[in-house]
N, C-alpha and C. Protein backbone atom coordinates (compact mmCIF):
# COMPACT_ATOMS: atom_id res chain seq x y z
N UNK A 1 -6.54 -20.51 -5.83
CA UNK A 1 -6.53 -18.97 -6.37
C UNK A 1 -7.95 -18.90 -5.88
N UNK A 2 -8.50 -17.88 -5.13
CA UNK A 2 -9.67 -17.44 -4.75
C UNK A 2 -10.64 -17.28 -5.95
N UNK A 3 -11.58 -17.56 -5.59
CA UNK A 3 -12.98 -16.83 -6.18
C UNK A 3 -12.97 -15.94 -7.67
N UNK A 4 -13.03 -14.74 -6.12
CA UNK A 4 -12.86 -13.42 -6.43
C UNK A 4 -12.00 -13.14 -7.94
N UNK A 5 -10.39 -13.56 -7.60
CA UNK A 5 -9.50 -13.55 -8.30
C UNK A 5 -9.82 -14.00 -9.34
N UNK A 6 -10.49 -15.36 -9.90
CA UNK A 6 -11.15 -16.35 -10.67
C UNK A 6 -12.07 -15.47 -11.55
N UNK A 7 -12.88 -14.51 -10.77
CA UNK A 7 -13.97 -13.61 -11.51
C UNK A 7 -13.73 -12.55 -12.14
N UNK A 8 -12.43 -11.91 -11.18
CA UNK A 8 -12.10 -10.89 -12.00
C UNK A 8 -10.95 -11.15 -13.13
N UNK A 9 -10.54 -12.56 -13.13
CA UNK A 9 -9.66 -12.96 -14.36
C UNK A 9 -10.42 -13.11 -15.71
N UNK A 10 -11.80 -13.83 -15.33
CA UNK A 10 -12.63 -14.29 -16.19
C UNK A 10 -13.19 -12.94 -16.45
N UNK A 11 -13.25 -12.14 -15.79
CA UNK A 11 -13.85 -10.94 -16.94
C UNK A 11 -12.76 -10.02 -17.77
N UNK A 12 -11.32 -9.83 -17.31
CA UNK A 12 -10.13 -9.27 -18.04
C UNK A 12 -10.36 -9.82 -19.16
N UNK A 13 -10.25 -11.25 -19.22
CA UNK A 13 -10.59 -11.80 -20.62
C UNK A 13 -10.93 -12.09 -21.40
N UNK A 14 -12.29 -11.01 -21.06
CA UNK A 14 -12.99 -10.65 -22.01
C UNK A 14 -12.45 -9.26 -22.77
N UNK A 15 -11.41 -8.93 -22.22
CA UNK A 15 -10.93 -7.64 -22.79
C UNK A 15 -10.27 -7.07 -23.58
N UNK A 16 -9.64 -6.50 -24.86
CA UNK A 16 -8.72 -6.18 -25.77
C UNK A 16 -7.34 -6.91 -25.18
N UNK A 17 -6.60 -7.33 -25.80
CA UNK A 17 -5.00 -7.75 -25.52
C UNK A 17 -4.69 -6.36 -25.05
N UNK A 18 -4.48 -5.44 -25.32
CA UNK A 18 -3.85 -3.94 -24.96
C UNK A 18 -4.68 -4.01 -23.74
N UNK A 19 -5.61 -4.48 -23.31
CA UNK A 19 -6.20 -3.62 -22.13
C UNK A 19 -6.23 -4.79 -20.82
N UNK A 20 -6.02 -5.95 -21.42
CA UNK A 20 -5.38 -7.36 -20.56
C UNK A 20 -4.04 -6.96 -20.27
N UNK A 21 -2.86 -6.25 -21.04
CA UNK A 21 -2.06 -6.04 -20.60
C UNK A 21 -1.74 -5.07 -19.65
N UNK A 22 -2.32 -3.88 -19.99
CA UNK A 22 -2.60 -2.85 -18.89
C UNK A 22 -2.82 -3.37 -17.66
N UNK A 23 -3.38 -4.03 -17.56
CA UNK A 23 -4.05 -4.56 -16.32
C UNK A 23 -3.58 -5.49 -15.62
N UNK A 24 -2.39 -6.23 -16.55
CA UNK A 24 -1.78 -7.00 -16.29
C UNK A 24 -0.50 -6.58 -15.44
N UNK A 25 0.27 -5.46 -16.34
CA UNK A 25 0.93 -4.55 -15.45
C UNK A 25 0.89 -3.87 -14.65
N UNK A 26 -0.57 -3.41 -14.52
CA UNK A 26 -0.42 -2.56 -12.83
C UNK A 26 -0.90 -3.73 -11.41
N UNK A 27 -0.99 -4.84 -12.38
CA UNK A 27 -1.05 -5.62 -10.24
C UNK A 27 0.10 -6.42 -10.88
N UNK A 28 1.08 -6.77 -11.66
CA UNK A 28 2.78 -7.25 -11.58
C UNK A 28 3.30 -5.82 -10.71
N UNK A 29 3.12 -4.62 -11.04
CA UNK A 29 3.91 -4.00 -9.90
C UNK A 29 3.20 -3.42 -8.99
N UNK A 30 1.86 -3.81 -8.55
CA UNK A 30 1.40 -3.81 -7.22
C UNK A 30 1.97 -5.12 -6.13
N UNK A 31 1.87 -6.24 -7.19
CA UNK A 31 2.44 -7.04 -6.00
C UNK A 31 3.64 -7.13 -6.00
N UNK A 32 4.75 -6.27 -7.22
CA UNK A 32 6.19 -5.83 -6.79
C UNK A 32 5.87 -4.48 -5.22
N UNK A 33 5.56 -3.82 -5.15
CA UNK A 33 5.34 -2.81 -4.62
C UNK A 33 5.25 -3.62 -3.05
N UNK A 34 4.26 -4.63 -2.77
CA UNK A 34 4.21 -4.94 -1.71
C UNK A 34 5.03 -5.87 -1.30
N UNK A 35 5.69 -6.59 -1.88
CA UNK A 35 7.33 -7.63 -1.82
C UNK A 35 8.11 -6.40 -1.23
N UNK A 36 8.17 -5.28 -1.56
CA UNK A 36 9.11 -4.27 -1.61
C UNK A 36 8.50 -3.76 0.30
N UNK A 37 7.38 -3.43 0.62
CA UNK A 37 7.07 -2.92 1.37
C UNK A 37 7.05 -4.36 2.74
N UNK A 38 7.12 -5.06 2.22
CA UNK A 38 6.83 -6.04 3.17
C UNK A 38 8.21 -6.16 3.33
N UNK A 39 9.46 -6.57 2.98
CA UNK A 39 10.75 -7.12 2.97
C UNK A 39 10.99 -5.48 4.03
N UNK A 40 10.78 -4.47 3.69
CA UNK A 40 10.86 -3.29 4.70
C UNK A 40 10.50 -3.82 6.00
N UNK A 41 8.96 -3.87 6.51
CA UNK A 41 8.39 -4.06 7.40
C UNK A 41 9.33 -5.05 8.01
N UNK A 42 9.58 -6.46 7.49
CA UNK A 42 10.22 -7.71 8.32
C UNK A 42 11.77 -7.03 8.45
N UNK A 43 12.12 -5.92 7.75
CA UNK A 43 13.77 -5.94 8.17
C UNK A 43 13.74 -4.81 9.24
N UNK A 44 12.75 -4.40 9.41
CA UNK A 44 12.68 -3.28 10.39
C UNK A 44 12.91 -3.30 12.25
N UNK A 45 14.01 -3.02 12.89
CA UNK A 45 13.96 -3.15 14.35
C UNK A 45 13.19 -2.88 14.72
N UNK A 46 13.10 -3.66 16.04
CA UNK A 46 12.61 -2.40 17.26
C UNK A 46 12.82 -1.34 17.87
N UNK A 47 14.36 -1.33 17.20
CA UNK A 47 14.30 -0.30 17.80
C UNK A 47 13.98 0.87 16.99
N UNK A 48 14.42 0.69 15.49
CA UNK A 48 13.77 1.40 14.52
C UNK A 48 12.44 2.24 14.56
N UNK A 49 11.40 1.08 15.39
CA UNK A 49 10.17 1.24 15.75
C UNK A 49 9.67 2.03 16.63
N UNK A 50 11.14 1.86 17.40
CA UNK A 50 10.71 2.80 18.91
C UNK A 50 11.31 4.06 18.52
N UNK A 51 12.57 4.25 17.50
CA UNK A 51 12.44 5.96 17.05
C UNK A 51 11.43 6.93 16.30
N UNK A 52 10.90 5.59 15.58
CA UNK A 52 9.36 6.21 14.81
C UNK A 52 8.54 6.68 15.95
N UNK A 53 8.23 5.83 16.74
CA UNK A 53 7.06 6.04 17.61
C UNK A 53 7.93 7.43 18.04
N UNK A 54 8.98 8.09 19.02
CA UNK A 54 9.21 8.45 19.66
C UNK A 54 9.26 10.05 18.48
N UNK A 55 9.46 10.09 17.62
CA UNK A 55 9.65 10.87 16.69
C UNK A 55 8.33 11.04 16.43
N UNK A 56 7.15 10.77 16.36
CA UNK A 56 5.76 10.98 16.02
C UNK A 56 5.05 11.40 17.46
N UNK A 57 5.45 11.12 18.24
CA UNK A 57 5.21 11.32 19.84
C UNK A 57 5.84 12.82 19.69
N UNK A 58 7.08 13.39 19.24
CA UNK A 58 7.60 14.99 19.79
C UNK A 58 6.67 15.65 18.63
N UNK A 59 6.84 15.30 17.25
CA UNK A 59 5.84 16.26 16.66
C UNK A 59 4.17 15.96 16.66
N UNK A 60 3.53 15.15 17.53
CA UNK A 60 2.35 15.81 18.36
C UNK A 60 2.45 16.75 19.23
N UNK A 61 3.22 16.49 20.13
CA UNK A 61 3.52 16.82 20.87
C UNK A 61 3.76 18.68 20.86
N UNK A 62 4.44 19.31 19.75
CA UNK A 62 4.80 20.10 19.62
C UNK A 62 3.96 20.80 18.30
N UNK A 63 3.39 20.50 17.43
CA UNK A 63 2.13 20.88 16.74
C UNK A 63 2.67 20.60 15.61
N UNK A 64 3.66 19.78 15.31
CA UNK A 64 4.13 19.64 13.63
C UNK A 64 3.31 18.67 13.17
N UNK A 65 2.00 18.45 13.49
CA UNK A 65 0.90 17.64 12.41
C UNK A 65 -0.42 18.34 11.96
N UNK A 66 -0.91 17.67 10.96
CA UNK A 66 -2.17 18.44 10.48
C UNK A 66 -3.25 17.10 11.46
N UNK A 67 -3.87 17.99 12.00
CA UNK A 67 -5.47 17.15 12.11
C UNK A 67 -5.86 16.00 10.87
N UNK A 68 -6.16 15.41 11.19
CA UNK A 68 -6.56 14.38 10.34
C UNK A 68 -8.09 15.10 9.95
N UNK A 69 -8.53 15.40 10.46
CA UNK A 69 -10.49 16.36 10.01
C UNK A 69 -9.78 17.09 8.85
N UNK A 70 -8.67 18.04 8.80
CA UNK A 70 -8.18 18.79 7.91
C UNK A 70 -8.01 18.26 6.49
N UNK A 71 -7.47 16.95 6.41
CA UNK A 71 -6.85 16.64 5.48
C UNK A 71 -8.01 15.85 5.13
N UNK A 72 -9.07 14.81 5.37
CA UNK A 72 -9.64 14.50 5.04
C UNK A 72 -11.56 15.00 5.39
N UNK A 73 -11.67 15.85 5.21
CA UNK A 73 -13.03 16.00 5.79
C UNK A 73 -14.28 15.36 5.44
N UNK A 74 -14.82 15.92 6.38
CA UNK A 74 -16.62 14.74 5.99
C UNK A 74 -16.68 15.11 4.78
């Protein structure tokens, strides 16, 4: 276990049980979500990546995208 994780767990242990359970539920959900994404990425074929890249290039070329500056202004 990393030092940072040990520190986080130490702080969580100081909280009331209901807050500990809430944090534990969020952590477990996050771990499960990461596992699902890792499996999806691992199962993606080169052809699927190529198709996705072609789709993105087409959307950029035809102006179907929103510039990042409009989505995340400074």
